[in-house]
Amino acid sequence: MTPPVQVPTDKCAFDHPETRRNWQLARLRAGAVLPPVVMLLLATLVVMGMLGDRPTTQPMWMRVAGLVCVVAAPFVFAFALYSLGPVLRLRRIRKVLREYPWEYRASIRPAPGVKDAALPVRVRTDADGDWSRTMRAINPLQRKRWTGEMEHGAWFAGDPEFGGVIAAPGATDFMTLERGTRTPPDLYGEITRDKARMARAKRAGIAPLGASLRA
């Protein structure tokens, strides 16, 4: 089966100009919300600090403002952390794209009957091949967005056992791809004996935790 868009032959996916440009656009979208969130967080802290130094005989409006800040502070902190998540995930995507080249996958589709906080998917390398074990796909900008475009062909960068990054042909709609189940012990032992493969996975940040202890 011929890919609808030819896979780049660059040594690593991030060397591909279109991939790099699309990642930068996604990074701008993810980071656009951070400045107002940080300003809101700082404003909340400043108001709480100012009101905290006042005597107990405060005017009613100041006591109400203080109460509002105390109630709102946990939600502002939580929103700030939530807003930081897409930026961190895109940094992880960049690490993978700087280590692995793009490879073509015939299809990636949601796994039926599997419930997960992320989007469970299965990968098919060849049009007539078997489906992989269930893996977890996460869109850094919209957690469970699935357009169905990758069901007709997709690009993959990473290690087929550990995960990596998937994208629609043309390097659009990046998603992280993570293991949904543990690797069978015999296969895992065989993989860890491949020092070059494990070193590459560690540099990309996709090697399992504790892999260095078992390698």
N, C-alpha and C. Protein backbone atom coordinates (compact mmCIF):
# COMPACT_ATOMS: atom_id res chain seq x y z
N MET A 1 0.85 -1.20 0.00
CA MET A 1 0.00 0.00 0.00
C MET A 1 0.88 1.25 0.00
N THR A 2 0.64 2.16 -0.94
CA THR A 2 1.45 3.37 -1.03
C THR A 2 0.90 4.43 -0.09
N PRO A 3 1.75 5.00 0.77
CA PRO A 3 1.28 6.04 1.68
C PRO A 3 0.71 7.23 0.90
N PRO A 4 -0.42 7.84 1.36
CA PRO A 4 -1.00 8.99 0.66
C PRO A 4 -0.08 10.19 0.64
N VAL A 5 0.77 10.32 1.67
CA VAL A 5 1.79 11.36 1.71
C VAL A 5 3.10 10.66 2.02
N GLN A 6 4.11 10.85 1.19
CA GLN A 6 5.36 10.14 1.34
C GLN A 6 6.03 10.46 2.68
N VAL A 7 6.48 9.42 3.36
CA VAL A 7 7.14 9.59 4.65
C VAL A 7 8.51 10.23 4.44
N PRO A 8 8.86 11.25 5.23
CA PRO A 8 10.17 11.90 5.07
C PRO A 8 11.30 10.91 5.32
N THR A 9 12.41 11.11 4.65
CA THR A 9 13.57 10.23 4.80
C THR A 9 14.62 10.82 5.73
N ASP A 10 14.27 11.88 6.46
CA ASP A 10 15.22 12.51 7.37
C ASP A 10 15.66 11.53 8.45
N LYS A 11 16.88 11.73 8.96
CA LYS A 11 17.42 10.85 9.99
C LYS A 11 16.57 10.87 11.24
N CYS A 12 16.04 12.03 11.62
CA CYS A 12 15.09 12.11 12.72
C CYS A 12 13.91 12.97 12.26
N ALA A 13 12.74 12.71 12.84
CA ALA A 13 11.52 13.35 12.36
C ALA A 13 11.57 14.86 12.49
N PHE A 14 12.26 15.37 13.53
CA PHE A 14 12.28 16.81 13.75
C PHE A 14 13.14 17.55 12.73
N ASP A 15 13.94 16.82 11.94
CA ASP A 15 14.69 17.44 10.85
C ASP A 15 13.78 17.80 9.67
N HIS A 16 12.60 17.18 9.63
CA HIS A 16 11.64 17.44 8.56
C HIS A 16 11.03 18.83 8.77
N PRO A 17 11.20 19.78 7.84
CA PRO A 17 10.73 21.16 8.05
C PRO A 17 9.25 21.26 8.40
N GLU A 18 8.41 20.48 7.72
CA GLU A 18 6.97 20.56 7.99
C GLU A 18 6.65 20.06 9.40
N THR A 19 7.33 19.01 9.82
CA THR A 19 7.13 18.51 11.18
C THR A 19 7.53 19.56 12.21
N ARG A 20 8.68 20.16 12.01
CA ARG A 20 9.16 21.17 12.94
C ARG A 20 8.21 22.37 12.98
N ARG A 21 7.74 22.80 11.82
CA ARG A 21 6.82 23.95 11.78
C ARG A 21 5.50 23.63 12.48
N ASN A 22 4.95 22.44 12.23
CA ASN A 22 3.67 22.07 12.86
C ASN A 22 3.82 21.93 14.37
N TRP A 23 4.98 21.42 14.81
CA TRP A 23 5.20 21.33 16.26
C TRP A 23 5.26 22.72 16.88
N GLN A 24 5.93 23.65 16.21
CA GLN A 24 6.05 25.01 16.73
C GLN A 24 4.68 25.68 16.81
N LEU A 25 3.81 25.43 15.82
CA LEU A 25 2.46 25.99 15.86
C LEU A 25 1.67 25.41 17.03
N ALA A 26 1.81 24.10 17.25
CA ALA A 26 1.13 23.47 18.38
C ALA A 26 1.65 24.03 19.70
N ARG A 27 2.95 24.27 19.76
CA ARG A 27 3.54 24.82 20.98
C ARG A 27 3.02 26.23 21.25
N LEU A 28 2.84 27.02 20.21
CA LEU A 28 2.28 28.36 20.39
C LEU A 28 0.85 28.29 20.90
N ARG A 29 0.07 27.37 20.36
CA ARG A 29 -1.32 27.22 20.82
C ARG A 29 -1.36 26.79 22.28
N ALA A 30 -0.49 25.86 22.64
CA ALA A 30 -0.49 25.37 24.02
C ALA A 30 -0.02 26.45 25.00
N GLY A 31 0.96 27.26 24.57
CA GLY A 31 1.52 28.26 25.47
C GLY A 31 0.73 29.56 25.53
N ALA A 32 -0.24 29.74 24.61
CA ALA A 32 -0.97 31.00 24.58
C ALA A 32 -1.77 31.25 25.84
N VAL A 33 -2.22 30.18 26.50
CA VAL A 33 -3.06 30.34 27.69
C VAL A 33 -2.24 30.57 28.95
N LEU A 34 -0.93 30.29 28.91
CA LEU A 34 -0.13 30.38 30.12
C LEU A 34 0.03 31.81 30.66
N PRO A 35 0.34 32.83 29.85
CA PRO A 35 0.51 34.18 30.42
C PRO A 35 -0.69 34.68 31.22
N PRO A 36 -1.95 34.60 30.68
CA PRO A 36 -3.07 35.07 31.51
C PRO A 36 -3.28 34.23 32.77
N VAL A 37 -3.00 32.93 32.69
CA VAL A 37 -3.16 32.09 33.87
C VAL A 37 -2.14 32.46 34.94
N VAL A 38 -0.89 32.70 34.51
CA VAL A 38 0.15 33.11 35.47
C VAL A 38 -0.19 34.46 36.09
N MET A 39 -0.69 35.40 35.29
CA MET A 39 -1.06 36.70 35.81
C MET A 39 -2.21 36.58 36.82
N LEU A 40 -3.18 35.73 36.51
CA LEU A 40 -4.29 35.52 37.44
C LEU A 40 -3.80 34.91 38.75
N LEU A 41 -2.88 33.96 38.64
CA LEU A 41 -2.32 33.32 39.83
C LEU A 41 -1.56 34.33 40.68
N LEU A 42 -0.72 35.15 40.04
CA LEU A 42 0.04 36.15 40.78
C LEU A 42 -0.88 37.19 41.42
N ALA A 43 -1.91 37.60 40.68
CA ALA A 43 -2.85 38.58 41.22
C ALA A 43 -3.56 38.03 42.45
N THR A 44 -3.94 36.76 42.40
CA THR A 44 -4.60 36.13 43.55
C THR A 44 -3.68 36.11 44.77
N LEU A 45 -2.41 35.77 44.54
CA LEU A 45 -1.46 35.71 45.65
C LEU A 45 -1.20 37.10 46.23
N VAL A 46 -1.09 38.09 45.33
CA VAL A 46 -0.85 39.46 45.81
C VAL A 46 -2.01 39.96 46.65
N VAL A 47 -3.24 39.76 46.18
CA VAL A 47 -4.41 40.21 46.93
C VAL A 47 -4.50 39.50 48.27
N MET A 48 -4.24 38.19 48.28
CA MET A 48 -4.28 37.45 49.55
C MET A 48 -3.23 37.98 50.51
N GLY A 49 -2.03 38.30 49.97
CA GLY A 49 -0.98 38.83 50.83
C GLY A 49 -1.32 40.20 51.39
N MET A 50 -1.90 41.06 50.57
CA MET A 50 -2.27 42.40 51.01
C MET A 50 -3.36 42.36 52.08
N LEU A 51 -4.35 41.52 51.87
CA LEU A 51 -5.45 41.43 52.83
C LEU A 51 -5.02 40.73 54.11
N GLY A 52 -4.03 39.86 54.01
CA GLY A 52 -3.59 39.14 55.20
C GLY A 52 -2.87 40.03 56.19
N ASP A 53 -2.31 41.15 55.72
CA ASP A 53 -1.59 42.06 56.61
C ASP A 53 -2.49 43.09 57.27
N ARG A 54 -3.76 43.10 56.92
CA ARG A 54 -4.68 44.08 57.47
C ARG A 54 -5.16 43.68 58.86
N PRO A 55 -5.56 44.62 59.70
CA PRO A 55 -6.11 44.29 61.01
C PRO A 55 -7.46 43.59 60.86
N THR A 56 -7.90 43.01 61.95
CA THR A 56 -9.15 42.24 61.91
C THR A 56 -10.37 43.11 61.67
N THR A 57 -10.25 44.40 61.92
CA THR A 57 -11.39 45.31 61.71
C THR A 57 -11.38 45.81 60.26
N GLN A 58 -11.48 44.91 59.34
CA GLN A 58 -11.48 45.27 57.93
C GLN A 58 -12.88 45.68 57.49
N PRO A 59 -12.96 46.56 56.48
CA PRO A 59 -14.26 46.85 55.89
C PRO A 59 -14.87 45.58 55.30
N MET A 60 -16.17 45.58 55.17
CA MET A 60 -16.88 44.40 54.67
C MET A 60 -16.38 43.99 53.29
N TRP A 61 -16.15 44.98 52.39
CA TRP A 61 -15.73 44.61 51.03
C TRP A 61 -14.39 43.90 51.01
N MET A 62 -13.49 44.28 51.97
CA MET A 62 -12.18 43.64 52.02
C MET A 62 -12.30 42.21 52.53
N ARG A 63 -13.19 42.01 53.51
CA ARG A 63 -13.38 40.64 54.01
C ARG A 63 -13.99 39.75 52.93
N VAL A 64 -14.92 40.31 52.17
CA VAL A 64 -15.52 39.54 51.08
C VAL A 64 -14.47 39.20 50.02
N ALA A 65 -13.63 40.20 49.67
CA ALA A 65 -12.57 39.96 48.68
C ALA A 65 -11.60 38.89 49.16
N GLY A 66 -11.25 38.95 50.44
CA GLY A 66 -10.36 37.94 50.99
C GLY A 66 -10.96 36.56 50.94
N LEU A 67 -12.25 36.45 51.26
CA LEU A 67 -12.93 35.15 51.22
C LEU A 67 -12.96 34.60 49.79
N VAL A 68 -13.24 35.49 48.83
CA VAL A 68 -13.28 35.06 47.43
C VAL A 68 -11.91 34.54 46.98
N CYS A 69 -10.84 35.23 47.38
CA CYS A 69 -9.49 34.80 47.01
C CYS A 69 -9.14 33.46 47.63
N VAL A 70 -9.52 33.27 48.90
CA VAL A 70 -9.22 32.01 49.57
C VAL A 70 -9.94 30.86 48.89
N VAL A 71 -11.20 31.09 48.52
CA VAL A 71 -11.98 30.04 47.85
C VAL A 71 -11.46 29.78 46.44
N ALA A 72 -11.07 30.85 45.74
CA ALA A 72 -10.66 30.71 44.34
C ALA A 72 -9.25 30.19 44.18
N ALA A 73 -8.38 30.39 45.17
CA ALA A 73 -6.96 30.04 45.04
C ALA A 73 -6.73 28.60 44.61
N PRO A 74 -7.37 27.58 45.26
CA PRO A 74 -7.11 26.20 44.82
C PRO A 74 -7.49 25.95 43.37
N PHE A 75 -8.58 26.58 42.92
CA PHE A 75 -9.01 26.38 41.54
C PHE A 75 -8.04 27.05 40.57
N VAL A 76 -7.51 28.21 40.95
CA VAL A 76 -6.53 28.89 40.11
C VAL A 76 -5.26 28.07 40.00
N PHE A 77 -4.79 27.51 41.14
CA PHE A 77 -3.61 26.65 41.12
C PHE A 77 -3.84 25.42 40.23
N ALA A 78 -5.02 24.80 40.38
CA ALA A 78 -5.33 23.60 39.59
C ALA A 78 -5.37 23.93 38.11
N PHE A 79 -5.95 25.07 37.75
CA PHE A 79 -6.03 25.46 36.35
C PHE A 79 -4.65 25.77 35.78
N ALA A 80 -3.79 26.35 36.62
CA ALA A 80 -2.43 26.64 36.18
C ALA A 80 -1.67 25.35 35.86
N LEU A 81 -1.82 24.35 36.73
CA LEU A 81 -1.16 23.06 36.49
C LEU A 81 -1.73 22.38 35.26
N TYR A 82 -3.05 22.45 35.08
CA TYR A 82 -3.70 21.85 33.91
C TYR A 82 -3.21 22.51 32.62
N SER A 83 -3.04 23.83 32.66
CA SER A 83 -2.59 24.56 31.48
C SER A 83 -1.15 24.23 31.13
N LEU A 84 -0.36 23.86 32.13
CA LEU A 84 1.04 23.53 31.89
C LEU A 84 1.19 22.15 31.25
N GLY A 85 0.21 21.27 31.43
CA GLY A 85 0.29 19.90 30.91
C GLY A 85 0.55 19.81 29.42
N PRO A 86 -0.22 20.52 28.56
CA PRO A 86 0.03 20.44 27.12
C PRO A 86 1.44 20.88 26.72
N VAL A 87 1.98 21.89 27.40
CA VAL A 87 3.33 22.36 27.09
C VAL A 87 4.35 21.27 27.39
N LEU A 88 4.21 20.62 28.55
CA LEU A 88 5.14 19.56 28.92
C LEU A 88 5.02 18.36 27.99
N ARG A 89 3.80 18.04 27.58
CA ARG A 89 3.62 16.90 26.67
C ARG A 89 4.21 17.19 25.30
N LEU A 90 4.11 18.42 24.84
CA LEU A 90 4.72 18.78 23.56
C LEU A 90 6.24 18.74 23.64
N ARG A 91 6.80 19.07 24.79
CA ARG A 91 8.25 18.93 24.97
C ARG A 91 8.64 17.46 24.88
N ARG A 92 7.82 16.58 25.44
CA ARG A 92 8.09 15.15 25.36
C ARG A 92 8.01 14.68 23.90
N ILE A 93 7.03 15.20 23.17
CA ILE A 93 6.91 14.86 21.75
C ILE A 93 8.17 15.27 20.99
N ARG A 94 8.68 16.46 21.29
CA ARG A 94 9.88 16.94 20.62
C ARG A 94 11.08 16.02 20.89
N LYS A 95 11.21 15.52 22.13
CA LYS A 95 12.32 14.61 22.45
C LYS A 95 12.27 13.36 21.58
N VAL A 96 11.07 12.82 21.37
CA VAL A 96 10.93 11.63 20.53
C VAL A 96 11.25 11.96 19.08
N LEU A 97 10.73 13.08 18.60
CA LEU A 97 10.93 13.46 17.19
C LEU A 97 12.39 13.78 16.89
N ARG A 98 13.16 14.15 17.91
CA ARG A 98 14.58 14.43 17.70
C ARG A 98 15.43 13.16 17.73
N GLU A 99 14.82 12.04 18.08
CA GLU A 99 15.58 10.80 18.21
C GLU A 99 15.21 9.77 17.14
N TYR A 100 13.95 9.74 16.72
CA TYR A 100 13.47 8.70 15.80
C TYR A 100 12.99 9.32 14.49
N PRO A 101 13.09 8.56 13.38
CA PRO A 101 12.53 9.02 12.10
C PRO A 101 11.04 8.68 12.02
N TRP A 102 10.36 9.27 11.06
CA TRP A 102 8.97 8.89 10.80
C TRP A 102 8.93 7.54 10.09
N GLU A 103 7.96 6.73 10.45
CA GLU A 103 7.67 5.47 9.75
C GLU A 103 6.18 5.44 9.43
N TYR A 104 5.85 4.77 8.34
CA TYR A 104 4.44 4.71 7.94
C TYR A 104 3.73 3.56 8.64
N ARG A 105 2.50 3.81 9.05
CA ARG A 105 1.62 2.79 9.62
C ARG A 105 0.33 2.77 8.82
N ALA A 106 -0.11 1.57 8.46
CA ALA A 106 -1.27 1.44 7.58
C ALA A 106 -2.54 1.97 8.24
N SER A 107 -2.66 1.80 9.56
CA SER A 107 -3.88 2.25 10.22
C SER A 107 -3.67 2.32 11.73
N ILE A 108 -4.32 3.28 12.34
CA ILE A 108 -4.42 3.38 13.80
C ILE A 108 -5.88 3.66 14.11
N ARG A 109 -6.48 2.82 14.93
CA ARG A 109 -7.91 3.00 15.20
C ARG A 109 -8.20 2.79 16.68
N PRO A 110 -9.28 3.38 17.19
CA PRO A 110 -9.65 3.18 18.60
C PRO A 110 -9.91 1.71 18.88
N ALA A 111 -9.51 1.26 20.07
CA ALA A 111 -9.73 -0.12 20.47
C ALA A 111 -11.14 -0.25 21.04
N PRO A 112 -11.99 -1.08 20.45
CA PRO A 112 -13.37 -1.19 20.92
C PRO A 112 -13.44 -1.88 22.28
N GLY A 113 -14.34 -1.40 23.11
CA GLY A 113 -14.61 -2.06 24.38
C GLY A 113 -13.56 -1.84 25.46
N VAL A 114 -12.60 -0.94 25.24
CA VAL A 114 -11.55 -0.68 26.23
C VAL A 114 -11.77 0.72 26.80
N LYS A 115 -11.84 0.79 28.14
CA LYS A 115 -12.03 2.08 28.80
C LYS A 115 -10.72 2.53 29.42
N ASP A 116 -10.39 3.80 29.22
CA ASP A 116 -9.15 4.35 29.74
C ASP A 116 -9.30 5.85 29.81
N ALA A 117 -8.50 6.48 30.70
CA ALA A 117 -8.52 7.94 30.79
C ALA A 117 -8.02 8.56 29.49
N ALA A 118 -7.09 7.89 28.82
CA ALA A 118 -6.62 8.33 27.51
C ALA A 118 -7.45 7.62 26.45
N LEU A 119 -7.04 7.75 25.20
CA LEU A 119 -7.75 7.11 24.10
C LEU A 119 -7.06 5.79 23.76
N PRO A 120 -7.70 4.63 24.02
CA PRO A 120 -7.07 3.35 23.69
C PRO A 120 -7.11 3.11 22.18
N VAL A 121 -5.96 2.79 21.59
CA VAL A 121 -5.89 2.55 20.16
C VAL A 121 -5.08 1.29 19.88
N ARG A 122 -5.23 0.78 18.67
CA ARG A 122 -4.40 -0.32 18.17
C ARG A 122 -3.77 0.11 16.86
N VAL A 123 -2.58 -0.41 16.59
CA VAL A 123 -1.80 0.00 15.44
C VAL A 123 -1.63 -1.19 14.50
N ARG A 124 -1.76 -0.94 13.21
CA ARG A 124 -1.51 -1.96 12.20
C ARG A 124 -0.39 -1.46 11.29
N THR A 125 0.70 -2.22 11.24
CA THR A 125 1.85 -1.80 10.44
C THR A 125 1.58 -1.96 8.96
N ASP A 126 1.06 -3.12 8.56
CA ASP A 126 0.77 -3.40 7.16
C ASP A 126 -0.73 -3.54 6.96
N ALA A 127 -1.16 -3.29 5.73
CA ALA A 127 -2.59 -3.33 5.44
C ALA A 127 -3.20 -4.70 5.75
N ASP A 128 -2.42 -5.77 5.56
CA ASP A 128 -2.92 -7.12 5.82
C ASP A 128 -2.35 -7.72 7.10
N GLY A 129 -1.68 -6.90 7.90
CA GLY A 129 -1.04 -7.42 9.11
C GLY A 129 -1.98 -7.46 10.30
N ASP A 130 -1.45 -7.95 11.41
CA ASP A 130 -2.22 -8.02 12.65
C ASP A 130 -2.22 -6.68 13.36
N TRP A 131 -3.20 -6.50 14.23
CA TRP A 131 -3.25 -5.31 15.07
C TRP A 131 -2.35 -5.48 16.28
N SER A 132 -1.77 -4.39 16.72
CA SER A 132 -0.90 -4.43 17.90
C SER A 132 -1.74 -4.58 19.16
N ARG A 133 -1.05 -4.77 20.28
CA ARG A 133 -1.73 -4.69 21.57
C ARG A 133 -2.24 -3.27 21.79
N THR A 134 -3.20 -3.11 22.66
CA THR A 134 -3.79 -1.80 22.91
C THR A 134 -2.77 -0.85 23.50
N MET A 135 -2.72 0.37 22.95
CA MET A 135 -1.84 1.41 23.45
C MET A 135 -2.68 2.64 23.78
N ARG A 136 -2.07 3.63 24.44
CA ARG A 136 -2.79 4.81 24.91
C ARG A 136 -2.32 6.03 24.11
N ALA A 137 -3.26 6.68 23.41
CA ALA A 137 -2.95 7.87 22.63
C ALA A 137 -3.52 9.10 23.33
N ILE A 138 -2.72 10.15 23.42
CA ILE A 138 -3.16 11.39 24.07
C ILE A 138 -2.80 12.57 23.18
N ASN A 139 -3.80 13.36 22.85
CA ASN A 139 -3.58 14.60 22.11
C ASN A 139 -3.21 15.69 23.11
N PRO A 140 -2.06 16.35 22.96
CA PRO A 140 -1.63 17.33 23.96
C PRO A 140 -2.51 18.57 24.04
N LEU A 141 -3.26 18.85 22.98
CA LEU A 141 -4.09 20.05 22.97
C LEU A 141 -5.55 19.75 23.34
N GLN A 142 -6.05 18.60 22.92
CA GLN A 142 -7.41 18.19 23.25
C GLN A 142 -7.35 16.71 23.61
N ARG A 143 -7.56 16.40 24.87
CA ARG A 143 -7.21 15.09 25.42
C ARG A 143 -7.81 13.91 24.67
N LYS A 144 -9.05 13.98 24.21
CA LYS A 144 -9.66 12.82 23.57
C LYS A 144 -10.20 13.14 22.18
N ARG A 145 -9.49 13.94 21.46
CA ARG A 145 -9.92 14.31 20.11
C ARG A 145 -9.49 13.24 19.12
N TRP A 146 -10.42 12.70 18.36
CA TRP A 146 -10.10 11.68 17.36
C TRP A 146 -10.88 11.98 16.09
N THR A 147 -10.19 12.32 15.02
CA THR A 147 -10.84 12.70 13.77
C THR A 147 -11.09 11.50 12.87
N GLY A 148 -10.40 10.39 13.09
CA GLY A 148 -10.54 9.22 12.23
C GLY A 148 -9.59 9.24 11.05
N GLU A 149 -8.84 10.33 10.87
CA GLU A 149 -7.93 10.43 9.73
C GLU A 149 -6.84 9.37 9.78
N MET A 150 -6.35 9.04 10.97
CA MET A 150 -5.26 8.07 11.09
C MET A 150 -5.71 6.64 10.83
N GLU A 151 -7.00 6.41 10.74
CA GLU A 151 -7.49 5.07 10.42
C GLU A 151 -7.18 4.70 8.98
N HIS A 152 -6.82 5.68 8.16
CA HIS A 152 -6.51 5.44 6.75
C HIS A 152 -5.02 5.63 6.46
N GLY A 153 -4.23 5.67 7.51
CA GLY A 153 -2.79 5.83 7.36
C GLY A 153 -2.26 6.85 8.35
N ALA A 154 -1.09 6.58 8.90
CA ALA A 154 -0.53 7.48 9.91
C ALA A 154 0.98 7.39 9.89
N TRP A 155 1.62 8.37 10.53
CA TRP A 155 3.07 8.36 10.72
C TRP A 155 3.36 8.04 12.18
N PHE A 156 4.43 7.30 12.38
CA PHE A 156 4.84 6.91 13.73
C PHE A 156 6.32 7.16 13.90
N ALA A 157 6.70 7.72 15.06
CA ALA A 157 8.11 7.89 15.43
C ALA A 157 8.27 7.36 16.84
N GLY A 158 9.20 6.43 17.04
CA GLY A 158 9.40 5.87 18.36
C GLY A 158 9.75 4.40 18.29
N ASP A 159 9.51 3.71 19.39
CA ASP A 159 9.76 2.27 19.49
C ASP A 159 8.42 1.56 19.53
N PRO A 160 8.18 0.57 18.68
CA PRO A 160 6.87 -0.07 18.62
C PRO A 160 6.46 -0.75 19.93
N GLU A 161 7.41 -1.06 20.79
CA GLU A 161 7.07 -1.70 22.06
C GLU A 161 6.87 -0.68 23.17
N PHE A 162 7.62 0.41 23.15
CA PHE A 162 7.56 1.39 24.23
C PHE A 162 6.62 2.56 23.94
N GLY A 163 6.37 2.84 22.66
CA GLY A 163 5.52 3.96 22.30
C GLY A 163 6.30 5.05 21.61
N GLY A 164 5.71 6.23 21.51
CA GLY A 164 6.36 7.34 20.83
C GLY A 164 5.37 8.41 20.46
N VAL A 165 5.36 8.77 19.16
CA VAL A 165 4.48 9.83 18.67
C VAL A 165 3.80 9.35 17.40
N ILE A 166 2.52 9.66 17.27
CA ILE A 166 1.79 9.38 16.03
C ILE A 166 1.26 10.70 15.49
N ALA A 167 1.05 10.74 14.18
CA ALA A 167 0.53 11.94 13.53
C ALA A 167 -0.17 11.54 12.25
N ALA A 168 -1.08 12.40 11.81
CA ALA A 168 -1.69 12.19 10.50
C ALA A 168 -0.62 12.43 9.44
N PRO A 169 -0.72 11.77 8.29
CA PRO A 169 0.27 12.00 7.22
C PRO A 169 0.43 13.48 6.93
N GLY A 170 1.69 13.90 6.86
CA GLY A 170 1.97 15.32 6.73
C GLY A 170 2.39 15.94 8.04
N ALA A 171 2.46 15.09 9.10
CA ALA A 171 2.89 15.53 10.43
C ALA A 171 1.94 16.56 11.04
N THR A 172 0.66 16.22 11.04
CA THR A 172 -0.34 17.07 11.69
C THR A 172 -1.05 16.27 12.78
N ASP A 173 -1.64 16.97 13.72
CA ASP A 173 -2.44 16.35 14.78
C ASP A 173 -1.60 15.37 15.61
N PHE A 174 -0.49 15.87 16.18
CA PHE A 174 0.41 15.04 16.97
C PHE A 174 -0.32 14.43 18.18
N MET A 175 0.04 13.19 18.50
CA MET A 175 -0.45 12.53 19.71
C MET A 175 0.69 11.69 20.28
N THR A 176 0.79 11.63 21.60
CA THR A 176 1.73 10.69 22.20
C THR A 176 1.12 9.31 22.18
N LEU A 177 1.95 8.28 22.10
CA LEU A 177 1.50 6.90 22.10
C LEU A 177 2.27 6.16 23.19
N GLU A 178 1.54 5.61 24.15
CA GLU A 178 2.16 4.96 25.30
C GLU A 178 1.67 3.52 25.42
N ARG A 179 2.46 2.70 26.07
CA ARG A 179 2.07 1.31 26.29
C ARG A 179 0.79 1.24 27.11
N GLY A 180 -0.14 0.38 26.71
CA GLY A 180 -1.36 0.19 27.47
C GLY A 180 -1.27 -1.01 28.38
N THR A 181 -0.36 -1.94 28.08
CA THR A 181 -0.17 -3.15 28.89
C THR A 181 1.32 -3.40 29.05
N ARG A 182 1.68 -4.22 30.02
CA ARG A 182 3.09 -4.54 30.25
C ARG A 182 3.62 -5.47 29.17
N THR A 183 4.88 -5.29 28.84
CA THR A 183 5.53 -6.16 27.88
C THR A 183 5.75 -7.53 28.50
N PRO A 184 5.45 -8.62 27.77
CA PRO A 184 5.71 -9.97 28.30
C PRO A 184 7.17 -10.10 28.72
N PRO A 185 7.45 -10.77 29.86
CA PRO A 185 8.82 -10.84 30.40
C PRO A 185 9.87 -11.35 29.41
N ASP A 186 9.53 -12.39 28.63
CA ASP A 186 10.52 -12.94 27.70
C ASP A 186 10.88 -11.93 26.61
N LEU A 187 9.86 -11.21 26.09
CA LEU A 187 10.12 -10.20 25.07
C LEU A 187 10.86 -9.02 25.68
N TYR A 188 10.50 -8.63 26.90
CA TYR A 188 11.16 -7.50 27.54
C TYR A 188 12.64 -7.81 27.79
N GLY A 189 12.92 -9.05 28.21
CA GLY A 189 14.31 -9.42 28.42
C GLY A 189 15.12 -9.36 27.15
N GLU A 190 14.50 -9.79 26.04
CA GLU A 190 15.18 -9.74 24.74
C GLU A 190 15.46 -8.29 24.34
N ILE A 191 14.49 -7.40 24.59
CA ILE A 191 14.66 -6.00 24.22
C ILE A 191 15.75 -5.33 25.04
N THR A 192 15.77 -5.59 26.35
CA THR A 192 16.74 -4.92 27.22
C THR A 192 18.18 -5.35 26.93
N ARG A 193 18.34 -6.50 26.30
CA ARG A 193 19.70 -6.92 25.94
C ARG A 193 20.23 -6.15 24.73
N ASP A 194 19.34 -5.46 24.04
CA ASP A 194 19.75 -4.63 22.91
C ASP A 194 20.10 -3.25 23.47
N LYS A 195 21.38 -3.05 23.80
CA LYS A 195 21.83 -1.84 24.48
C LYS A 195 21.55 -0.58 23.65
N ALA A 196 21.77 -0.66 22.34
CA ALA A 196 21.56 0.51 21.49
C ALA A 196 20.09 0.91 21.47
N ARG A 197 19.21 -0.08 21.40
CA ARG A 197 17.77 0.21 21.38
C ARG A 197 17.32 0.85 22.69
N MET A 198 17.81 0.30 23.81
CA MET A 198 17.42 0.84 25.12
C MET A 198 17.97 2.24 25.31
N ALA A 199 19.22 2.48 24.87
CA ALA A 199 19.81 3.81 25.02
C ALA A 199 19.02 4.84 24.23
N ARG A 200 18.59 4.45 23.05
CA ARG A 200 17.82 5.38 22.22
C ARG A 200 16.46 5.69 22.87
N ALA A 201 15.81 4.65 23.40
CA ALA A 201 14.52 4.86 24.06
C ALA A 201 14.65 5.75 25.29
N LYS A 202 15.77 5.61 26.02
CA LYS A 202 15.99 6.46 27.20
C LYS A 202 16.23 7.91 26.80
N ARG A 203 16.98 8.12 25.73
CA ARG A 203 17.21 9.49 25.27
C ARG A 203 15.92 10.15 24.84
N ALA A 204 15.01 9.37 24.27
CA ALA A 204 13.73 9.89 23.81
C ALA A 204 12.71 10.01 24.94
N GLY A 205 13.04 9.45 26.11
CA GLY A 205 12.13 9.54 27.25
C GLY A 205 10.97 8.57 27.20
N ILE A 206 11.11 7.46 26.46
CA ILE A 206 9.99 6.51 26.36
C ILE A 206 10.33 5.16 26.95
N ALA A 207 11.55 4.97 27.46
CA ALA A 207 11.91 3.70 28.09
C ALA A 207 11.15 3.56 29.39
N PRO A 208 10.71 2.34 29.75
CA PRO A 208 9.98 2.13 31.00
C PRO A 208 10.82 2.52 32.21
N LEU A 209 10.17 2.97 33.27
CA LEU A 209 10.88 3.29 34.49
C LEU A 209 11.56 2.03 35.04
N GLY A 210 12.78 2.19 35.47
CA GLY A 210 13.51 1.06 36.02
C GLY A 210 14.18 0.19 34.96
N ALA A 211 14.09 0.60 33.70
CA ALA A 211 14.69 -0.21 32.64
C ALA A 211 16.19 -0.34 32.83
N SER A 212 16.85 0.71 33.29
CA SER A 212 18.30 0.67 33.44
C SER A 212 18.71 -0.35 34.50
N LEU A 213 17.81 -0.62 35.46
CA LEU A 213 18.14 -1.59 36.50
C LEU A 213 18.03 -3.01 36.00
N ARG A 214 17.20 -3.23 34.98
CA ARG A 214 17.00 -4.57 34.48
C ARG A 214 17.77 -4.84 33.22
N ALA A 215 18.30 -3.79 32.61
CA ALA A 215 19.01 -3.97 31.34
C ALA A 215 20.35 -4.66 31.55
